């Protein structure tokens, strides 16, 4: 990836997480990145195109963490799920508990822009699908009840996490994240 494009995406991700899409002006992104306006349009067709590419970059980071944690067979499946969310929690902490980028952007834009709504929903669906594979492994091993629907349970887990991420942003605290993860993992195992 071209260095200027990468710099714009990194800055855009940070600023959109802090301020949202609509409150963030192109000039602010350019000034923060130290990039002239012409360079922006060399790499992106519009602000919307830019934001969609920022979502792609964020999702690549999430998939790297999914791969590193959920496929690590040195740990039992439910520990791998916990490890993924612990990694996300650490990222949130480093960012000042601003919550989930996808969740925040989805709340802001899903009611007004179908492209963003579909893109963000696809990202969250992919995260749940990766967890479903791990949860199915836990079910087969006997770590979850045999009646557990891994796909549905993974979707519920991601949905619960997204709600906790919003509360984490409001409280600027990891408490909601820790509580929902503990609750969900305990509930799954006790069914």
Protein backbone atom coordinates (compact mmCIF):
# COMPACT_ATOMS: atom_id res chain seq x y z
CA UNK A 1 0.00 0.00 0.00
CA UNK A 2 1.28 3.46 -0.88
CA UNK A 3 2.71 5.29 2.14
CA UNK A 4 0.52 8.40 1.73
CA UNK A 5 -2.63 6.30 1.36
CA UNK A 6 -1.68 4.29 4.44
CA UNK A 7 -1.02 7.46 6.46
CA UNK A 8 -4.41 8.90 5.49
CA UNK A 9 -6.17 5.68 6.50
CA UNK A 10 -4.40 5.51 9.88
CA UNK A 11 -5.25 9.15 10.63
CA UNK A 12 -8.79 8.75 9.31
CA UNK A 13 -9.45 5.74 11.49
CA UNK A 14 -8.27 7.52 14.62
CA UNK A 15 -10.16 10.72 13.89
CA UNK A 16 -13.39 8.99 12.79
CA UNK A 17 -13.33 6.92 15.97
CA UNK A 18 -12.95 10.10 18.01
CA UNK A 19 -15.35 12.38 16.11
CA UNK A 20 -17.47 10.30 13.78
CA UNK A 21 -17.86 10.56 10.04
CA UNK A 22 -20.03 13.65 9.67
CA UNK A 23 -18.18 15.77 12.23
CA UNK A 24 -14.83 15.10 10.58
CA UNK A 25 -13.80 17.37 7.75
CA UNK A 26 -11.47 16.41 4.95
CA UNK A 27 -9.24 19.38 5.76
CA UNK A 28 -8.73 18.09 9.30
CA UNK A 29 -7.65 14.68 8.00
CA UNK A 30 -5.25 16.25 5.52
CA UNK A 31 -3.71 18.58 8.12
CA UNK A 32 -3.28 15.77 10.65
CA UNK A 33 -1.71 13.49 8.03
CA UNK A 34 0.41 16.29 6.55
CA UNK A 35 -0.91 15.53 3.07
CA UNK A 36 -2.03 17.99 0.36
CA UNK A 37 -5.61 17.82 -0.92
CA UNK A 38 -4.56 16.62 -4.38
CA UNK A 39 -2.90 13.58 -2.85
CA UNK A 40 -6.14 12.63 -1.14
CA UNK A 41 -8.04 12.55 -4.43
CA UNK A 42 -5.21 10.59 -6.05
CA UNK A 43 -5.95 7.74 -3.61
CA UNK A 44 -9.69 8.14 -2.91
CA UNK A 45 -12.63 9.11 -5.11
CA UNK A 46 -14.52 10.84 -2.28
CA UNK A 47 -14.84 11.06 1.48
CA UNK A 48 -17.29 8.15 1.34
CA UNK A 49 -14.80 6.04 -0.64
CA UNK A 50 -12.14 6.96 1.91
CA UNK A 51 -14.32 5.92 4.86
CA UNK A 52 -15.20 2.62 3.19
CA UNK A 53 -11.49 1.93 2.73
CA UNK A 54 -10.85 2.85 6.37
CA UNK A 55 -13.47 0.26 7.33
CA UNK A 56 -11.63 -2.30 5.18
CA UNK A 57 -8.35 -1.47 6.92
CA UNK A 58 -9.98 -1.78 10.35
CA UNK A 59 -11.52 -5.09 9.36
CA UNK A 60 -8.12 -6.41 8.22
CA UNK A 61 -6.78 -5.65 11.72
CA UNK A 62 -9.73 -7.46 13.28
CA UNK A 63 -9.18 -10.47 11.02
CA UNK A 64 -5.51 -10.58 11.99
CA UNK A 65 -6.57 -10.78 15.64
CA UNK A 66 -9.26 -13.37 14.82
CA UNK A 67 -6.65 -15.49 13.04
CA UNK A 68 -4.08 -15.12 15.82
CA UNK A 69 -6.49 -16.00 18.61
CA UNK A 70 -9.28 -18.23 17.33
CA UNK A 71 -7.02 -20.61 15.41
CA UNK A 72 -4.44 -20.99 18.19
CA UNK A 73 -5.05 -24.67 18.96
CA UNK A 74 -2.70 -24.54 21.94
CA UNK A 75 -5.72 -23.21 23.85
CA UNK A 76 -9.20 -24.68 24.31
CA UNK A 77 -11.84 -23.04 22.08
CA UNK A 78 -13.57 -20.99 24.79
CA UNK A 79 -10.19 -19.64 25.94
CA UNK A 80 -9.52 -18.61 22.34
CA UNK A 81 -12.80 -16.71 22.26
CA UNK A 82 -11.87 -14.97 25.51
CA UNK A 83 -8.39 -14.22 24.10
CA UNK A 84 -9.89 -12.52 21.05
CA UNK A 85 -12.12 -10.26 23.11
CA UNK A 86 -9.29 -9.57 25.55
CA UNK A 87 -7.20 -8.38 22.60
CA UNK A 88 -10.03 -6.12 21.45
CA UNK A 89 -10.42 -4.81 25.00
CA UNK A 90 -6.70 -3.94 25.09
CA UNK A 91 -7.07 -2.01 21.83
CA UNK A 92 -10.06 -0.13 23.23
CA UNK A 93 -8.04 0.72 26.34
CA UNK A 94 -5.16 2.10 24.24
CA UNK A 95 -7.66 4.25 22.33
CA UNK A 96 -9.19 5.64 25.52
CA UNK A 97 -12.30 3.43 25.54
CA UNK A 98 -13.85 5.03 22.48
CA UNK A 99 -15.68 1.78 21.70
CA UNK A 100 -15.90 -0.23 18.52
CA UNK A 101 -15.14 1.65 15.32
CA UNK A 102 -17.65 -0.46 13.38
CA UNK A 103 -20.34 -0.02 16.02
CA UNK A 104 -19.84 3.72 16.31
CA UNK A 105 -19.81 4.27 12.57
CA UNK A 106 -22.75 1.92 12.13
CA UNK A 107 -24.83 3.85 14.63
CA UNK A 108 -24.00 7.12 12.93
CA UNK A 109 -24.42 6.09 9.30
CA UNK A 110 -26.61 3.00 8.97
CA UNK A 111 -29.83 4.98 8.95
CA UNK A 112 -28.71 7.29 6.17
CA UNK A 113 -26.33 5.34 3.94
CA UNK A 114 -27.03 1.85 2.61
CA UNK A 115 -23.44 1.25 1.48
CA UNK A 116 -22.15 1.81 5.01
CA UNK A 117 -24.98 -0.20 6.54
CA UNK A 118 -24.24 -3.23 4.38
CA UNK A 119 -20.46 -2.93 4.70
CA UNK A 120 -20.53 -2.70 8.50
CA UNK A 121 -23.10 -5.47 8.82
CA UNK A 122 -20.94 -7.70 6.61
CA UNK A 123 -17.93 -7.00 8.83
CA UNK A 124 -19.81 -7.88 12.02
CA UNK A 125 -21.27 -10.98 10.37
CA UNK A 126 -17.76 -12.14 9.42
CA UNK A 127 -16.57 -11.67 13.01
CA UNK A 128 -19.49 -13.75 14.27
CA UNK A 129 -18.85 -16.43 11.64
CA UNK A 130 -15.23 -16.80 12.79
CA UNK A 131 -16.44 -17.20 16.36
CA UNK A 132 -19.06 -19.74 15.29
CA UNK A 133 -16.32 -22.04 14.02
CA UNK A 134 -14.56 -21.88 17.37
CA UNK A 135 -17.80 -22.32 19.32
CA UNK A 136 -18.74 -25.34 17.20
CA UNK A 137 -15.38 -26.86 18.10
CA UNK A 138 -16.17 -26.22 21.78
CA UNK A 139 -19.58 -27.88 21.33
CA UNK A 140 -18.04 -30.96 19.69
CA UNK A 141 -15.46 -31.20 22.50
CA UNK A 142 -18.22 -31.07 25.08
CA UNK A 143 -17.26 -27.64 26.42
CA UNK A 144 -20.71 -26.38 25.36
CA UNK A 145 -24.00 -28.25 25.51
CA UNK A 146 -24.71 -30.50 22.51
CA UNK A 147 -27.82 -28.41 21.77
CA UNK A 148 -25.82 -25.18 21.39
CA UNK A 149 -26.31 -23.49 18.02
CA UNK A 150 -22.78 -22.16 17.47
CA UNK A 151 -23.77 -19.68 14.75
CA UNK A 152 -26.61 -18.15 16.74
CA UNK A 153 -24.54 -18.08 19.92
CA UNK A 154 -21.68 -16.34 18.10
CA UNK A 155 -24.07 -13.71 16.75
CA UNK A 156 -25.48 -13.12 20.23
CA UNK A 157 -21.96 -12.81 21.64
CA UNK A 158 -20.94 -10.22 19.04
CA UNK A 159 -24.20 -8.31 19.53
CA UNK A 160 -23.73 -8.28 23.31
CA UNK A 161 -20.12 -7.14 22.90
CA UNK A 162 -21.19 -4.29 20.63
CA UNK A 163 -23.64 -3.07 23.27
CA UNK A 164 -20.95 -3.31 25.94
CA UNK A 165 -18.56 -1.40 23.66
CA UNK A 166 -21.07 1.45 23.52
CA UNK A 167 -21.39 1.48 27.32
CA UNK A 168 -17.60 1.32 27.58
CA UNK A 169 -17.40 4.45 25.43
CA UNK A 170 -19.99 6.21 27.58
CA UNK A 171 -18.26 5.26 30.84
CA UNK A 172 -14.68 5.38 29.51
CA UNK A 173 -14.21 2.09 31.33
CA UNK A 174 -13.58 -1.58 30.55
CA UNK A 175 -16.14 -2.68 33.14
CA UNK A 176 -19.02 -3.29 30.68
CA UNK A 177 -16.71 -5.26 28.40
CA UNK A 178 -15.42 -7.48 31.19
CA UNK A 179 -18.88 -8.04 32.61
CA UNK A 180 -20.54 -9.00 29.33
CA UNK A 181 -17.74 -11.35 28.33
CA UNK A 182 -17.79 -13.12 31.71
CA UNK A 183 -21.59 -13.34 31.60
CA UNK A 184 -21.77 -14.66 28.03
CA UNK A 185 -19.07 -17.28 28.44
CA UNK A 186 -20.58 -18.51 31.71
CA UNK A 187 -24.07 -18.61 30.18
CA UNK A 188 -22.87 -20.53 27.14
CA UNK A 189 -21.15 -23.18 29.22
CA UNK A 190 -24.09 -23.66 31.60
CA UNK A 191 -26.86 -24.22 29.04
